[in-house]
Amino acid sequence: ERLSMDDRKMWCRIAVNIINKAFRYDEYDLSTRSSCAVLLPHAVTAVDHAEELKIVTGEIGKLLNETGLYLTGIADLKGAGEK
């Protein structure tokens, strides 16, 4: 890795915050499903990096909650329980 550990953590937090702002699932608005489907792999990757870097923030918890709600809403109960 070319980035220092502090820089890796900083960029990981930034990625989580950006995805969090974009990941808006609303069970009553079906149009949110398509954007969440596109963002889901990025959300999972960002959370995986955060876990690897041992970063714990409320933003990560919020992102995990939002992805869980989305996966439950589309009836992917196995995926919703993985993280």
PDB file of N, CA and C in Angstrom:
ATOM      1  N   GLU A   1       0.826  -1.181   0.000  1.00  0.00           N
ATOM      2  CA  GLU A   1       0.000   0.000   0.000  1.00  0.00           C
ATOM      3  C   GLU A   1       0.874   1.250   0.000  1.00  0.00           C
ATOM      4  N   ARG A   2       0.500   2.183  -0.826  1.00  0.00           N
ATOM      5  CA  ARG A   2       1.251   3.438  -0.892  1.00  0.00           C
ATOM      6  C   ARG A   2       0.758   4.467   0.118  1.00  0.00           C
ATOM      7  N   LEU A   3      -0.449   4.321   0.571  1.00  0.00           N
ATOM      8  CA  LEU A   3      -0.994   5.275   1.535  1.00  0.00           C
ATOM      9  C   LEU A   3      -0.607   4.868   2.953  1.00  0.00           C
ATOM     10  N   SER A   4      -0.404   5.855   3.779  1.00  0.00           N
ATOM     11  CA  SER A   4      -0.151   5.566   5.191  1.00  0.00           C
ATOM     12  C   SER A   4      -1.445   5.034   5.813  1.00  0.00           C
ATOM     13  N   MET A   5      -1.330   4.415   6.971  1.00  0.00           N
ATOM     14  CA  MET A   5      -2.511   3.886   7.649  1.00  0.00           C
ATOM     15  C   MET A   5      -3.504   5.012   7.954  1.00  0.00           C
ATOM     16  N   ASP A   6      -3.013   6.159   8.383  1.00  0.00           N
ATOM     17  CA  ASP A   6      -3.908   7.292   8.664  1.00  0.00           C
ATOM     18  C   ASP A   6      -4.644   7.743   7.407  1.00  0.00           C
ATOM     19  N   ASP A   7      -3.941   7.783   6.276  1.00  0.00           N
ATOM     20  CA  ASP A   7      -4.586   8.172   5.017  1.00  0.00           C
ATOM     21  C   ASP A   7      -5.606   7.131   4.573  1.00  0.00           C
ATOM     22  N   ARG A   8      -5.290   5.858   4.733  1.00  0.00           N
ATOM     23  CA  ARG A   8      -6.239   4.801   4.373  1.00  0.00           C
ATOM     24  C   ARG A   8      -7.519   4.937   5.193  1.00  0.00           C
ATOM     25  N   LYS A   9      -7.357   5.185   6.486  1.00  0.00           N
ATOM     26  CA  LYS A   9      -8.530   5.346   7.351  1.00  0.00           C
ATOM     27  C   LYS A   9      -9.336   6.579   6.958  1.00  0.00           C
ATOM     28  N   MET A  10      -8.640   7.664   6.652  1.00  0.00           N
ATOM     29  CA  MET A  10      -9.325   8.892   6.252  1.00  0.00           C
ATOM     30  C   MET A  10     -10.154   8.657   4.987  1.00  0.00           C
ATOM     31  N   TRP A  11      -9.557   8.040   3.968  1.00  0.00           N
ATOM     32  CA  TRP A  11     -10.268   7.811   2.712  1.00  0.00           C
ATOM     33  C   TRP A  11     -11.396   6.803   2.880  1.00  0.00           C
ATOM     34  N   CYS A  12     -11.227   5.855   3.764  1.00  0.00           N
ATOM     35  CA  CYS A  12     -12.299   4.901   4.038  1.00  0.00           C
ATOM     36  C   CYS A  12     -13.489   5.617   4.671  1.00  0.00           C
ATOM     37  N   ARG A  13     -13.225   6.477   5.637  1.00  0.00           N
ATOM     38  CA  ARG A  13     -14.309   7.250   6.262  1.00  0.00           C
ATOM     39  C   ARG A  13     -15.019   8.132   5.233  1.00  0.00           C
ATOM     40  N   ILE A  14     -14.255   8.744   4.357  1.00  0.00           N
ATOM     41  CA  ILE A  14     -14.845   9.584   3.312  1.00  0.00           C
ATOM     42  C   ILE A  14     -15.739   8.746   2.402  1.00  0.00           C
ATOM     43  N   ALA A  15     -15.263   7.575   2.001  1.00  0.00           N
ATOM     44  CA  ALA A  15     -16.059   6.694   1.136  1.00  0.00           C
ATOM     45  C   ALA A  15     -17.358   6.289   1.825  1.00  0.00           C
ATOM     46  N   VAL A  16     -17.271   5.907   3.091  1.00  0.00           N
ATOM     47  CA  VAL A  16     -18.476   5.526   3.840  1.00  0.00           C
ATOM     48  C   VAL A  16     -19.456   6.694   3.898  1.00  0.00           C
ATOM     49  N   ASN A  17     -18.966   7.885   4.162  1.00  0.00           N
ATOM     50  CA  ASN A  17     -19.844   9.055   4.244  1.00  0.00           C
ATOM     51  C   ASN A  17     -20.522   9.357   2.913  1.00  0.00           C
ATOM     52  N   ILE A  18     -19.779   9.249   1.820  1.00  0.00           N
ATOM     53  CA  ILE A  18     -20.355   9.508   0.493  1.00  0.00           C
ATOM     54  C   ILE A  18     -21.434   8.481   0.168  1.00  0.00           C
ATOM     55  N   ILE A  19     -21.135   7.216   0.401  1.00  0.00           N
ATOM     56  CA  ILE A  19     -22.111   6.162   0.107  1.00  0.00           C
ATOM     57  C   ILE A  19     -23.331   6.323   1.008  1.00  0.00           C
ATOM     58  N   ASN A  20     -23.100   6.672   2.262  1.00  0.00           N
ATOM     59  CA  ASN A  20     -24.210   6.892   3.188  1.00  0.00           C
ATOM     60  C   ASN A  20     -25.159   7.970   2.694  1.00  0.00           C
ATOM     61  N   LYS A  21     -24.616   9.044   2.168  1.00  0.00           N
ATOM     62  CA  LYS A  21     -25.458  10.133   1.665  1.00  0.00           C
ATOM     63  C   LYS A  21     -26.273   9.697   0.444  1.00  0.00           C
ATOM     64  N   ALA A  22     -25.703   8.809  -0.358  1.00  0.00           N
ATOM     65  CA  ALA A  22     -26.369   8.370  -1.584  1.00  0.00           C
ATOM     66  C   ALA A  22     -27.324   7.198  -1.356  1.00  0.00           C
ATOM     67  N   PHE A  23     -27.058   6.373  -0.350  1.00  0.00           N
ATOM     68  CA  PHE A  23     -27.837   5.153  -0.121  1.00  0.00           C
ATOM     69  C   PHE A  23     -29.089   5.504   0.675  1.00  0.00           C
ATOM     70  N   ARG A  24     -30.168   5.717  -0.029  1.00  0.00           N
ATOM     71  CA  ARG A  24     -31.434   6.100   0.594  1.00  0.00           C
ATOM     72  C   ARG A  24     -32.517   5.109   0.194  1.00  0.00           C
ATOM     73  N   TYR A  25     -32.752   4.125   1.044  1.00  0.00           N
ATOM     74  CA  TYR A  25     -33.806   3.155   0.780  1.00  0.00           C
ATOM     75  C   TYR A  25     -35.082   3.596   1.487  1.00  0.00           C
ATOM     76  N   ASP A  26     -36.179   3.558   0.751  1.00  0.00           N
ATOM     77  CA  ASP A  26     -37.495   3.868   1.301  1.00  0.00           C
ATOM     78  C   ASP A  26     -38.431   2.752   0.866  1.00  0.00           C
ATOM     79  N   GLU A  27     -38.889   1.977   1.829  1.00  0.00           N
ATOM     80  CA  GLU A  27     -39.725   0.824   1.497  1.00  0.00           C
ATOM     81  C   GLU A  27     -41.010   1.210   0.771  1.00  0.00           C
ATOM     82  N   TYR A  28     -41.443   2.462   0.906  1.00  0.00           N
ATOM     83  CA  TYR A  28     -42.672   2.916   0.262  1.00  0.00           C
ATOM     84  C   TYR A  28     -42.429   3.583  -1.090  1.00  0.00           C
ATOM     85  N   ASP A  29     -41.185   3.716  -1.461  1.00  0.00           N
ATOM     86  CA  ASP A  29     -40.824   4.341  -2.739  1.00  0.00           C
ATOM     87  C   ASP A  29     -39.983   3.349  -3.540  1.00  0.00           C
ATOM     88  N   LEU A  30     -40.630   2.633  -4.430  1.00  0.00           N
ATOM     89  CA  LEU A  30     -39.948   1.575  -5.180  1.00  0.00           C
ATOM     90  C   LEU A  30     -38.816   2.091  -6.051  1.00  0.00           C
ATOM     91  N   SER A  31     -38.834   3.368  -6.376  1.00  0.00           N
ATOM     92  CA  SER A  31     -37.764   3.910  -7.220  1.00  0.00           C
ATOM     93  C   SER A  31     -36.414   3.918  -6.501  1.00  0.00           C
ATOM     94  N   THR A  32     -36.413   3.828  -5.176  1.00  0.00           N
ATOM     95  CA  THR A  32     -35.138   3.822  -4.445  1.00  0.00           C
ATOM     96  C   THR A  32     -34.414   2.483  -4.576  1.00  0.00           C
ATOM     97  N   ARG A  33     -35.135   1.454  -4.969  1.00  0.00           N
ATOM     98  CA  ARG A  33     -34.506   0.130  -5.079  1.00  0.00           C
ATOM     99  C   ARG A  33     -33.399   0.089  -6.121  1.00  0.00           C
ATOM    100  N   SER A  34     -33.606   0.738  -7.249  1.00  0.00           N
ATOM    101  CA  SER A  34     -32.600   0.655  -8.316  1.00  0.00           C
ATOM    102  C   SER A  34     -31.304   1.357  -7.916  1.00  0.00           C
ATOM    103  N   SER A  35     -31.401   2.512  -7.271  1.00  0.00           N
ATOM    104  CA  SER A  35     -30.169   3.192  -6.853  1.00  0.00           C
ATOM    105  C   SER A  35     -29.467   2.410  -5.749  1.00  0.00           C
ATOM    106  N   CYS A  36     -30.236   1.816  -4.852  1.00  0.00           N
ATOM    107  CA  CYS A  36     -29.624   1.002  -3.795  1.00  0.00           C
ATOM    108  C   CYS A  36     -28.956  -0.240  -4.377  1.00  0.00           C
ATOM    109  N   ALA A  37     -29.556  -0.820  -5.404  1.00  0.00           N
ATOM    110  CA  ALA A  37     -28.954  -1.999  -6.038  1.00  0.00           C
ATOM    111  C   ALA A  37     -27.592  -1.660  -6.633  1.00  0.00           C
ATOM    112  N   VAL A  38     -27.481  -0.484  -7.224  1.00  0.00           N
ATOM    113  CA  VAL A  38     -26.209  -0.044  -7.806  1.00  0.00           C
ATOM    114  C   VAL A  38     -25.180   0.238  -6.710  1.00  0.00           C
ATOM    115  N   LEU A  39     -25.622   0.823  -5.618  1.00  0.00           N
ATOM    116  CA  LEU A  39     -24.704   1.222  -4.542  1.00  0.00           C
ATOM    117  C   LEU A  39     -24.328   0.085  -3.597  1.00  0.00           C
ATOM    118  N   LEU A  40     -25.121  -0.980  -3.564  1.00  0.00           N
ATOM    119  CA  LEU A  40     -24.895  -2.055  -2.597  1.00  0.00           C
ATOM    120  C   LEU A  40     -23.478  -2.626  -2.626  1.00  0.00           C
ATOM    121  N   PRO A  41     -22.919  -2.981  -3.792  1.00  0.00           N
ATOM    122  CA  PRO A  41     -21.555  -3.530  -3.776  1.00  0.00           C
ATOM    123  C   PRO A  41     -20.527  -2.542  -3.223  1.00  0.00           C
ATOM    124  N   HIS A  42     -20.742  -1.262  -3.479  1.00  0.00           N
ATOM    125  CA  HIS A  42     -19.828  -0.235  -2.968  1.00  0.00           C
ATOM    126  C   HIS A  42     -19.969  -0.104  -1.448  1.00  0.00           C
ATOM    127  N   ALA A  43     -21.201  -0.199  -0.969  1.00  0.00           N
ATOM    128  CA  ALA A  43     -21.436  -0.135   0.474  1.00  0.00           C
ATOM    129  C   ALA A  43     -20.765  -1.309   1.178  1.00  0.00           C
ATOM    130  N   VAL A  44     -20.919  -2.496   0.620  1.00  0.00           N
ATOM    131  CA  VAL A  44     -20.309  -3.690   1.219  1.00  0.00           C
ATOM    132  C   VAL A  44     -18.788  -3.572   1.222  1.00  0.00           C
ATOM    133  N   THR A  45     -18.223  -3.113   0.119  1.00  0.00           N
ATOM    134  CA  THR A  45     -16.765  -2.951   0.036  1.00  0.00           C
ATOM    135  C   THR A  45     -16.268  -1.917   1.039  1.00  0.00           C
ATOM    136  N   ALA A  46     -16.966  -0.805   1.158  1.00  0.00           N
ATOM    137  CA  ALA A  46     -16.556   0.240   2.104  1.00  0.00           C
ATOM    138  C   ALA A  46     -16.603  -0.276   3.539  1.00  0.00           C
ATOM    139  N   VAL A  47     -17.651  -1.013   3.874  1.00  0.00           N
ATOM    140  CA  VAL A  47     -17.767  -1.570   5.225  1.00  0.00           C
ATOM    141  C   VAL A  47     -16.682  -2.615   5.463  1.00  0.00           C
ATOM    142  N   ASP A  48     -16.405  -3.438   4.455  1.00  0.00           N
ATOM    143  CA  ASP A  48     -15.329  -4.429   4.586  1.00  0.00           C
ATOM    144  C   ASP A  48     -13.989  -3.752   4.862  1.00  0.00           C
ATOM    145  N   HIS A  49     -13.704  -2.685   4.141  1.00  0.00           N
ATOM    146  CA  HIS A  49     -12.454  -1.944   4.371  1.00  0.00           C
ATOM    147  C   HIS A  49     -12.436  -1.335   5.774  1.00  0.00           C
ATOM    148  N   ALA A  50     -13.564  -0.802   6.204  1.00  0.00           N
ATOM    149  CA  ALA A  50     -13.641  -0.215   7.545  1.00  0.00           C
ATOM    150  C   ALA A  50     -13.369  -1.271   8.614  1.00  0.00           C
ATOM    151  N   GLU A  51     -13.931  -2.459   8.428  1.00  0.00           N
ATOM    152  CA  GLU A  51     -13.681  -3.540   9.387  1.00  0.00           C
ATOM    153  C   GLU A  51     -12.208  -3.938   9.375  1.00  0.00           C
ATOM    154  N   GLU A  52     -11.634  -4.033   8.187  1.00  0.00           N
ATOM    155  CA  GLU A  52     -10.222  -4.385   8.045  1.00  0.00           C
ATOM    156  C   GLU A  52      -9.324  -3.356   8.739  1.00  0.00           C
ATOM    157  N   LEU A  53      -9.709  -2.093   8.646  1.00  0.00           N
ATOM    158  CA  LEU A  53      -8.926  -1.010   9.246  1.00  0.00           C
ATOM    159  C   LEU A  53      -9.318  -0.734  10.698  1.00  0.00           C
ATOM    160  N   LYS A  54     -10.266  -1.526  11.205  1.00  0.00           N
ATOM    161  CA  LYS A  54     -10.740  -1.395  12.587  1.00  0.00           C
ATOM    162  C   LYS A  54     -11.326  -0.006  12.878  1.00  0.00           C
ATOM    163  N   ILE A  55     -12.112   0.482  11.920  1.00  0.00           N
ATOM    164  CA  ILE A  55     -12.788   1.773  12.068  1.00  0.00           C
ATOM    165  C   ILE A  55     -14.210   1.503  12.547  1.00  0.00           C
ATOM    166  N   VAL A  56     -14.595   2.157  13.616  1.00  0.00           N
ATOM    167  CA  VAL A  56     -15.953   2.027  14.135  1.00  0.00           C
ATOM    168  C   VAL A  56     -16.532   3.435  14.268  1.00  0.00           C
ATOM    169  N   THR A  57     -17.577   3.711  13.497  1.00  0.00           N
ATOM    170  CA  THR A  57     -18.239   5.017  13.573  1.00  0.00           C
ATOM    171  C   THR A  57     -19.747   4.828  13.451  1.00  0.00           C
ATOM    172  N   GLY A  58     -20.462   5.837  13.842  1.00  0.00           N
ATOM    173  CA  GLY A  58     -21.910   5.818  13.676  1.00  0.00           C
ATOM    174  C   GLY A  58     -22.319   5.758  12.217  1.00  0.00           C
ATOM    175  N   GLU A  59     -21.512   6.363  11.349  1.00  0.00           N
ATOM    176  CA  GLU A  59     -21.810   6.344   9.911  1.00  0.00           C
ATOM    177  C   GLU A  59     -21.761   4.921   9.356  1.00  0.00           C
ATOM    178  N   ILE A  60     -20.821   4.125   9.836  1.00  0.00           N
ATOM    179  CA  ILE A  60     -20.738   2.731   9.384  1.00  0.00           C
ATOM    180  C   ILE A  60     -21.960   1.966   9.876  1.00  0.00           C
ATOM    181  N   GLY A  61     -22.339   2.189  11.126  1.00  0.00           N
ATOM    182  CA  GLY A  61     -23.543   1.552  11.656  1.00  0.00           C
ATOM    183  C   GLY A  61     -24.781   1.931  10.872  1.00  0.00           C
ATOM    184  N   LYS A  62     -24.875   3.199  10.515  1.00  0.00           N
ATOM    185  CA  LYS A  62     -26.018   3.676   9.724  1.00  0.00           C
ATOM    186  C   LYS A  62     -26.044   3.003   8.356  1.00  0.00           C
ATOM    187  N   LEU A  63     -24.881   2.895   7.725  1.00  0.00           N
ATOM    188  CA  LEU A  63     -24.808   2.260   6.407  1.00  0.00           C
ATOM    189  C   LEU A  63     -25.184   0.783   6.497  1.00  0.00           C
ATOM    190  N   LEU A  64     -24.707   0.103   7.533  1.00  0.00           N
ATOM    191  CA  LEU A  64     -25.086  -1.297   7.729  1.00  0.00           C
ATOM    192  C   LEU A  64     -26.593  -1.430   7.925  1.00  0.00           C
ATOM    193  N   ASN A  65     -27.174  -0.529   8.689  1.00  0.00           N
ATOM    194  CA  ASN A  65     -28.611  -0.560   8.916  1.00  0.00           C
ATOM    195  C   ASN A  65     -29.375  -0.334   7.615  1.00  0.00           C
ATOM    196  N   GLU A  66     -28.972   0.674   6.852  1.00  0.00           N
ATOM    197  CA  GLU A  66     -29.653   0.975   5.585  1.00  0.00           C
ATOM    198  C   GLU A  66     -29.560  -0.193   4.604  1.00  0.00           C
ATOM    199  N   THR A  67     -28.378  -0.799   4.501  1.00  0.00           N
ATOM    200  CA  THR A  67     -28.242  -1.934   3.579  1.00  0.00           C
ATOM    201  C   THR A  67     -29.065  -3.118   4.065  1.00  0.00           C
ATOM    202  N   GLY A  68     -29.126  -3.315   5.377  1.00  0.00           N
ATOM    203  CA  GLY A  68     -29.959  -4.386   5.925  1.00  0.00           C
ATOM    204  C   GLY A  68     -31.433  -4.171   5.644  1.00  0.00           C
ATOM    205  N   LEU A  69     -31.895  -2.935   5.798  1.00  0.00           N
ATOM    206  CA  LEU A  69     -33.294  -2.622   5.484  1.00  0.00           C
ATOM    207  C   LEU A  69     -33.589  -2.853   4.011  1.00  0.00           C
ATOM    208  N   TYR A  70     -32.669  -2.434   3.160  1.00  0.00           N
ATOM    209  CA  TYR A  70     -32.839  -2.634   1.718  1.00  0.00           C
ATOM    210  C   TYR A  70     -32.921  -4.127   1.395  1.00  0.00           C
ATOM    211  N   LEU A  71     -31.968  -4.912   1.909  1.00  0.00           N
ATOM    212  CA  LEU A  71     -31.951  -6.346   1.611  1.00  0.00           C
ATOM    213  C   LEU A  71     -33.187  -7.049   2.160  1.00  0.00           C
ATOM    214  N   THR A  72     -33.640  -6.636   3.329  1.00  0.00           N
ATOM    215  CA  THR A  72     -34.874  -7.194   3.878  1.00  0.00           C
ATOM    216  C   THR A  72     -36.057  -6.805   2.997  1.00  0.00           C
ATOM    217  N   GLY A  73     -36.072  -5.560   2.536  1.00  0.00           N
ATOM    218  CA  GLY A  73     -37.160  -5.070   1.693  1.00  0.00           C
ATOM    219  C   GLY A  73     -37.274  -5.787   0.366  1.00  0.00           C
ATOM    220  N   ILE A  74     -36.145  -6.241  -0.169  1.00  0.00           N
ATOM    221  CA  ILE A  74     -36.200  -6.976  -1.436  1.00  0.00           C
ATOM    222  C   ILE A  74     -36.221  -8.483  -1.182  1.00  0.00           C
ATOM    223  N   ALA A  75     -36.410  -8.858   0.070  1.00  0.00           N
ATOM    224  CA  ALA A  75     -36.543 -10.248   0.505  1.00  0.00           C
ATOM    225  C   ALA A  75     -35.259 -11.050   0.353  1.00  0.00           C
ATOM    226  N   ASP A  76     -34.118 -10.394   0.472  1.00  0.00           N
ATOM    227  CA  ASP A  76     -32.837 -11.103   0.508  1.00  0.00           C
ATOM    228  C   ASP A  76     -32.456 -11.250   1.979  1.00  0.00           C
ATOM    229  N   LEU A  77     -33.204 -12.099   2.673  1.00  0.00           N
ATOM    230  CA  LEU A  77     -33.022 -12.226   4.115  1.00  0.00           C
ATOM    231  C   LEU A  77     -31.666 -12.821   4.470  1.00  0.00           C
ATOM    232  N   LYS A  78     -31.137 -13.689   3.618  1.00  0.00           N
ATOM    233  CA  LYS A  78     -29.805 -14.243   3.869  1.00  0.00           C
ATOM    234  C   LYS A  78     -28.761 -13.130   3.816  1.00  0.00           C
ATOM    235  N   GLY A  79     -28.814 -12.288   2.788  1.00  0.00           N
ATOM    236  CA  GLY A  79     -27.868 -11.186   2.651  1.00  0.00           C
ATOM    237  C   GLY A  79     -28.014 -10.160   3.761  1.00  0.00           C
ATOM    238  N   ALA A  80     -29.239  -9.933   4.213  1.00  0.00           N
ATOM    239  CA  ALA A  80     -29.485  -8.941   5.262  1.00  0.00           C
ATOM    240  C   ALA A  80     -28.843  -9.345   6.581  1.00  0.00           C
ATOM    241  N   GLY A  81     -28.703 -10.636   6.815  1.00  0.00           N
ATOM    242  CA  GLY A  81     -28.135 -11.103   8.075  1.00  0.00           C
ATOM    243  C   GLY A  81     -26.654 -11.371   8.047  1.00  0.00           C
ATOM    244  N   GLU A  82     -26.003 -11.183   6.903  1.00  0.00           N
ATOM    245  CA  GLU A  82     -24.583 -11.529   6.784  1.00  0.00           C
ATOM    246  C   GLU A  82     -23.670 -10.603   7.546  1.00  0.00           C
ATOM    247  N   LYS A  83     -23.921  -9.323   7.605  1.00  0.00           N
ATOM    248  CA  LYS A  83     -22.994  -8.384   8.264  1.00  0.00           C
ATOM    249  C   LYS A  83     -23.365  -8.199   9.683  1.00  0.00           C
TER     250      LYS A  83
END
